Amino acid sequence: MKDILSDIGLNALFREARSYNRWMSDAVPESKIHELYDLLKFGPTSANCSPARFVFVSSTLAKARLLKCVTESNVVKVETAPVTVIIGMDEKFYEKIPALFPHNPAAANWFKDPSVGTPTMMRNATLQGGYLIMAARAIGLDCGPMSGFDNAKVDTEFFAGTPVKSNFICALGTGSQEMLFPRSPRLTFEEACKIM
């Protein structure tokens, strides 16, 4: 059996991790963003298809563009976060499969039919967004994932002329206790699970 994480690691990733709404002024250096991607990229995807594309919004100019796209309730959350990442999905992700799945480069053909490719893209890009959250927590960043934004506006602002579409966004930095709500309940094992 493999070694398991200590309680310190499990607490940081799950038990004590929270979704933050406000941020301290601590910067997130570019080296930390590279460290984050270099960890999350190892999470598994179907045929290693890796359809997620990430735009890390940190400059004042880019942040102003993103702020035009978020709901009013998320403006301060994005405005004060050192970085907000847009988790996008590449509709032509299969074009990279010959390099990513070299033992069967023809696997790219499996996903060219939108009835197969679109749900594969959505499922796996969302998984990669989850890996981003866990990797961020693992390297000491707090997260504030959001759905409160206009996808079409984000796609126009950040992905125009590309096959990439936005999935969700996630603020990154050092979370503040301000507007940190009490942890909400979770379903019990009996409510959510079945062993058959």
Protein backbone atom coordinates (compact mmCIF):
# COMPACT_ATOMS: atom_id res chain seq x y z
CA MET A 1 0.00 0.00 0.00
CA LYS A 2 1.22 3.50 -0.83
CA ASP A 3 1.97 6.10 1.80
CA ILE A 4 -0.99 8.36 2.53
CA LEU A 5 -1.06 12.07 3.21
CA SER A 6 -0.81 13.24 6.78
CA ASP A 7 -3.77 14.89 8.48
CA ILE A 8 -2.05 18.21 7.74
CA GLY A 9 -2.24 17.50 4.00
CA LEU A 10 -5.79 16.12 4.13
CA ASN A 11 -6.94 19.14 6.14
CA ALA A 12 -5.35 21.55 3.63
CA LEU A 13 -6.96 19.81 0.66
CA PHE A 14 -10.37 18.90 2.09
CA ARG A 15 -11.36 19.18 5.74
CA GLU A 16 -10.28 22.76 6.45
CA ALA A 17 -10.19 24.14 2.90
CA ARG A 18 -12.82 26.74 2.12
CA SER A 19 -14.19 28.68 -0.83
CA TYR A 20 -13.12 32.29 -0.29
CA ASN A 21 -14.99 35.46 -1.25
CA ARG A 22 -12.42 38.07 -0.20
CA TRP A 23 -8.65 38.25 -0.44
CA MET A 24 -5.55 39.50 1.33
CA SER A 25 -3.20 41.72 -0.66
CA ASP A 26 -0.52 39.00 -0.98
CA ALA A 27 0.59 38.70 -4.60
CA VAL A 28 0.68 35.40 -6.48
CA PRO A 29 4.00 35.39 -8.37
CA GLU A 30 4.17 34.06 -11.90
CA SER A 31 6.43 31.26 -10.68
CA LYS A 32 3.58 30.05 -8.44
CA ILE A 33 1.23 29.94 -11.44
CA HIS A 34 3.74 27.79 -13.32
CA GLU A 35 4.11 25.55 -10.25
CA LEU A 36 0.33 25.21 -10.11
CA TYR A 37 -0.01 24.14 -13.75
CA ASP A 38 2.97 21.80 -13.51
CA LEU A 39 1.10 19.93 -10.77
CA LEU A 40 -2.48 19.96 -12.06
CA LYS A 41 -1.48 18.73 -15.54
CA PHE A 42 -0.83 15.26 -14.12
CA GLY A 43 -4.50 14.66 -13.23
CA PRO A 44 -6.00 11.93 -15.45
CA THR A 45 -8.26 12.64 -18.43
CA SER A 46 -9.82 10.35 -21.06
CA ALA A 47 -7.07 9.20 -23.45
CA ASN A 48 -4.95 11.94 -21.84
CA CYS A 49 -7.01 14.39 -23.93
CA SER A 50 -6.41 17.37 -21.60
CA PRO A 51 -9.06 19.70 -23.10
CA ALA A 52 -8.82 22.45 -20.46
CA ARG A 53 -7.14 25.74 -21.34
CA PHE A 54 -6.30 28.22 -18.59
CA VAL A 55 -6.13 32.02 -18.70
CA PHE A 56 -4.64 33.50 -15.54
CA VAL A 57 -6.02 37.03 -15.20
CA SER A 58 -3.78 39.15 -13.01
CA SER A 59 -2.96 42.45 -14.76
CA THR A 60 -5.11 45.52 -14.12
CA LEU A 61 -6.10 45.66 -17.79
CA ALA A 62 -7.09 41.99 -18.05
CA LYS A 63 -8.94 42.18 -14.73
CA ALA A 64 -11.00 45.15 -16.01
CA ARG A 65 -12.01 43.06 -19.03
CA LEU A 66 -13.08 40.16 -16.81
CA LEU A 67 -14.97 42.41 -14.41
CA LYS A 68 -17.30 43.40 -17.29
CA CYS A 69 -18.34 39.74 -17.51
CA VAL A 70 -19.06 38.78 -13.89
CA THR A 71 -22.29 39.13 -11.96
CA GLU A 72 -22.55 42.02 -9.52
CA SER A 73 -22.17 39.69 -6.53
CA ASN A 74 -18.77 38.54 -7.82
CA VAL A 75 -17.28 41.91 -8.76
CA VAL A 76 -15.41 42.50 -5.46
CA LYS A 77 -14.34 38.84 -5.34
CA VAL A 78 -12.63 39.15 -8.73
CA GLU A 79 -11.48 42.73 -8.23
CA THR A 80 -9.59 41.97 -5.02
CA ALA A 81 -8.20 38.54 -5.97
CA PRO A 82 -4.54 38.60 -7.01
CA VAL A 83 -5.38 36.17 -9.83
CA THR A 84 -8.58 34.81 -11.32
CA VAL A 85 -8.19 31.88 -13.67
CA ILE A 86 -10.61 31.21 -16.50
CA ILE A 87 -10.94 27.48 -17.00
CA GLY A 88 -11.70 27.08 -20.68
CA MET A 89 -12.44 24.08 -22.92
CA ASP A 90 -10.89 23.57 -26.34
CA GLU A 91 -13.52 22.26 -28.76
CA LYS A 92 -10.70 20.97 -30.98
CA PHE A 93 -8.84 19.29 -28.11
CA TYR A 94 -8.53 16.13 -30.22
CA GLU A 95 -5.95 17.84 -32.45
CA LYS A 96 -3.39 17.46 -29.65
CA ILE A 97 -4.14 13.78 -28.97
CA PRO A 98 -1.47 12.42 -31.37
CA ALA A 99 1.16 14.11 -29.16
CA LEU A 100 -0.60 13.41 -25.85
CA PHE A 101 -1.54 9.76 -26.55
CA PRO A 102 1.41 8.62 -28.68
CA HIS A 103 0.77 4.88 -28.37
CA ASN A 104 -2.52 5.40 -30.27
CA PRO A 105 -2.50 8.73 -32.14
CA ALA A 106 -5.56 7.66 -34.13
CA ALA A 107 -7.56 8.01 -30.90
CA ALA A 108 -8.09 11.61 -32.01
CA ASN A 109 -10.74 10.29 -34.39
CA TRP A 110 -12.84 9.03 -31.47
CA PHE A 111 -13.67 12.61 -30.50
CA LYS A 112 -14.25 14.36 -33.82
CA ASP A 113 -17.95 13.46 -33.72
CA PRO A 114 -19.50 16.21 -31.52
CA SER A 115 -21.85 13.69 -29.91
CA VAL A 116 -18.74 12.09 -28.38
CA GLY A 117 -16.30 15.00 -28.36
CA THR A 118 -18.49 17.62 -26.67
CA PRO A 119 -19.37 15.61 -23.54
CA THR A 120 -15.78 14.33 -23.36
CA MET A 121 -14.49 17.90 -23.51
CA MET A 122 -16.94 19.14 -20.88
CA ARG A 123 -16.34 16.23 -18.50
CA ASN A 124 -12.57 16.29 -18.70
CA ALA A 125 -12.10 20.07 -18.68
CA THR A 126 -14.29 20.22 -15.58
CA LEU A 127 -12.15 17.49 -14.00
CA GLN A 128 -9.07 19.54 -14.81
CA GLY A 129 -10.68 22.55 -13.13
CA GLY A 130 -11.12 20.37 -10.04
CA TYR A 131 -7.46 19.35 -10.27
CA LEU A 132 -6.57 23.04 -10.41
CA ILE A 133 -8.40 23.67 -7.13
CA MET A 134 -6.74 20.73 -5.39
CA ALA A 135 -3.28 21.60 -6.77
CA ALA A 136 -3.71 25.23 -5.69
CA ARG A 137 -4.59 24.16 -2.17
CA ALA A 138 -1.65 21.73 -2.15
CA ILE A 139 0.83 24.56 -2.85
CA GLY A 140 -0.66 26.96 -0.32
CA LEU A 141 -3.15 28.96 -2.38
CA ASP A 142 -6.78 29.52 -1.44
CA CYS A 143 -9.54 29.26 -4.04
CA GLY A 144 -12.84 30.93 -4.83
CA PRO A 145 -14.51 29.04 -7.71
CA MET A 146 -17.42 30.82 -9.42
CA SER A 147 -20.19 30.26 -11.92
CA GLY A 148 -21.55 33.80 -11.62
CA PHE A 149 -20.45 35.26 -14.95
CA ASP A 150 -21.61 35.57 -18.54
CA ASN A 151 -19.94 32.79 -20.56
CA ALA A 152 -20.61 34.47 -23.90
CA LYS A 153 -19.00 37.72 -22.74
CA VAL A 154 -15.95 35.89 -21.38
CA ASP A 155 -15.62 33.96 -24.63
CA THR A 156 -15.76 37.20 -26.63
CA GLU A 157 -13.25 38.97 -24.37
CA PHE A 158 -10.73 36.18 -23.96
CA PHE A 159 -11.29 33.46 -26.59
CA ALA A 160 -12.51 35.29 -29.72
CA GLY A 161 -11.35 33.59 -32.89
CA THR A 162 -10.40 30.38 -31.09
CA PRO A 163 -12.19 27.07 -30.50
CA VAL A 164 -11.99 27.63 -26.72
CA LYS A 165 -15.11 28.26 -24.61
CA SER A 166 -15.27 29.17 -20.93
CA ASN A 167 -16.36 26.62 -18.33
CA PHE A 168 -15.96 28.34 -14.94
CA ILE A 169 -13.66 30.80 -13.20
CA CYS A 170 -11.71 30.56 -9.96
CA ALA A 171 -10.08 33.29 -7.89
CA LEU A 172 -6.69 32.43 -6.37
CA GLY A 173 -4.65 33.98 -3.58
CA THR A 174 -4.59 34.17 0.20
CA GLY A 175 -8.15 34.12 1.43
CA SER A 176 -9.48 36.63 3.96
CA GLN A 177 -11.89 35.79 6.78
CA GLU A 178 -14.14 38.59 5.54
CA MET A 179 -17.38 37.17 4.13
CA LEU A 180 -16.23 33.63 4.91
CA PHE A 181 -19.50 31.92 5.67
CA PRO A 182 -19.83 28.98 8.09
CA ARG A 183 -19.15 25.67 6.37
CA SER A 184 -22.37 24.32 4.89
CA PRO A 185 -23.53 20.78 5.67
CA ARG A 186 -22.58 17.84 3.45
CA LEU A 187 -24.61 14.76 2.65
CA THR A 188 -23.99 11.71 4.82
CA PHE A 189 -22.57 8.52 3.33
CA GLU A 190 -26.03 6.97 3.50
CA GLU A 191 -27.60 9.88 1.62
CA ALA A 192 -25.02 9.98 -1.16
CA CYS A 193 -23.55 6.50 -1.50
CA LYS A 194 -24.43 2.90 -2.13
CA ILE A 195 -22.16 -0.15 -1.94
CA MET A 196 -23.38 -2.94 -4.20
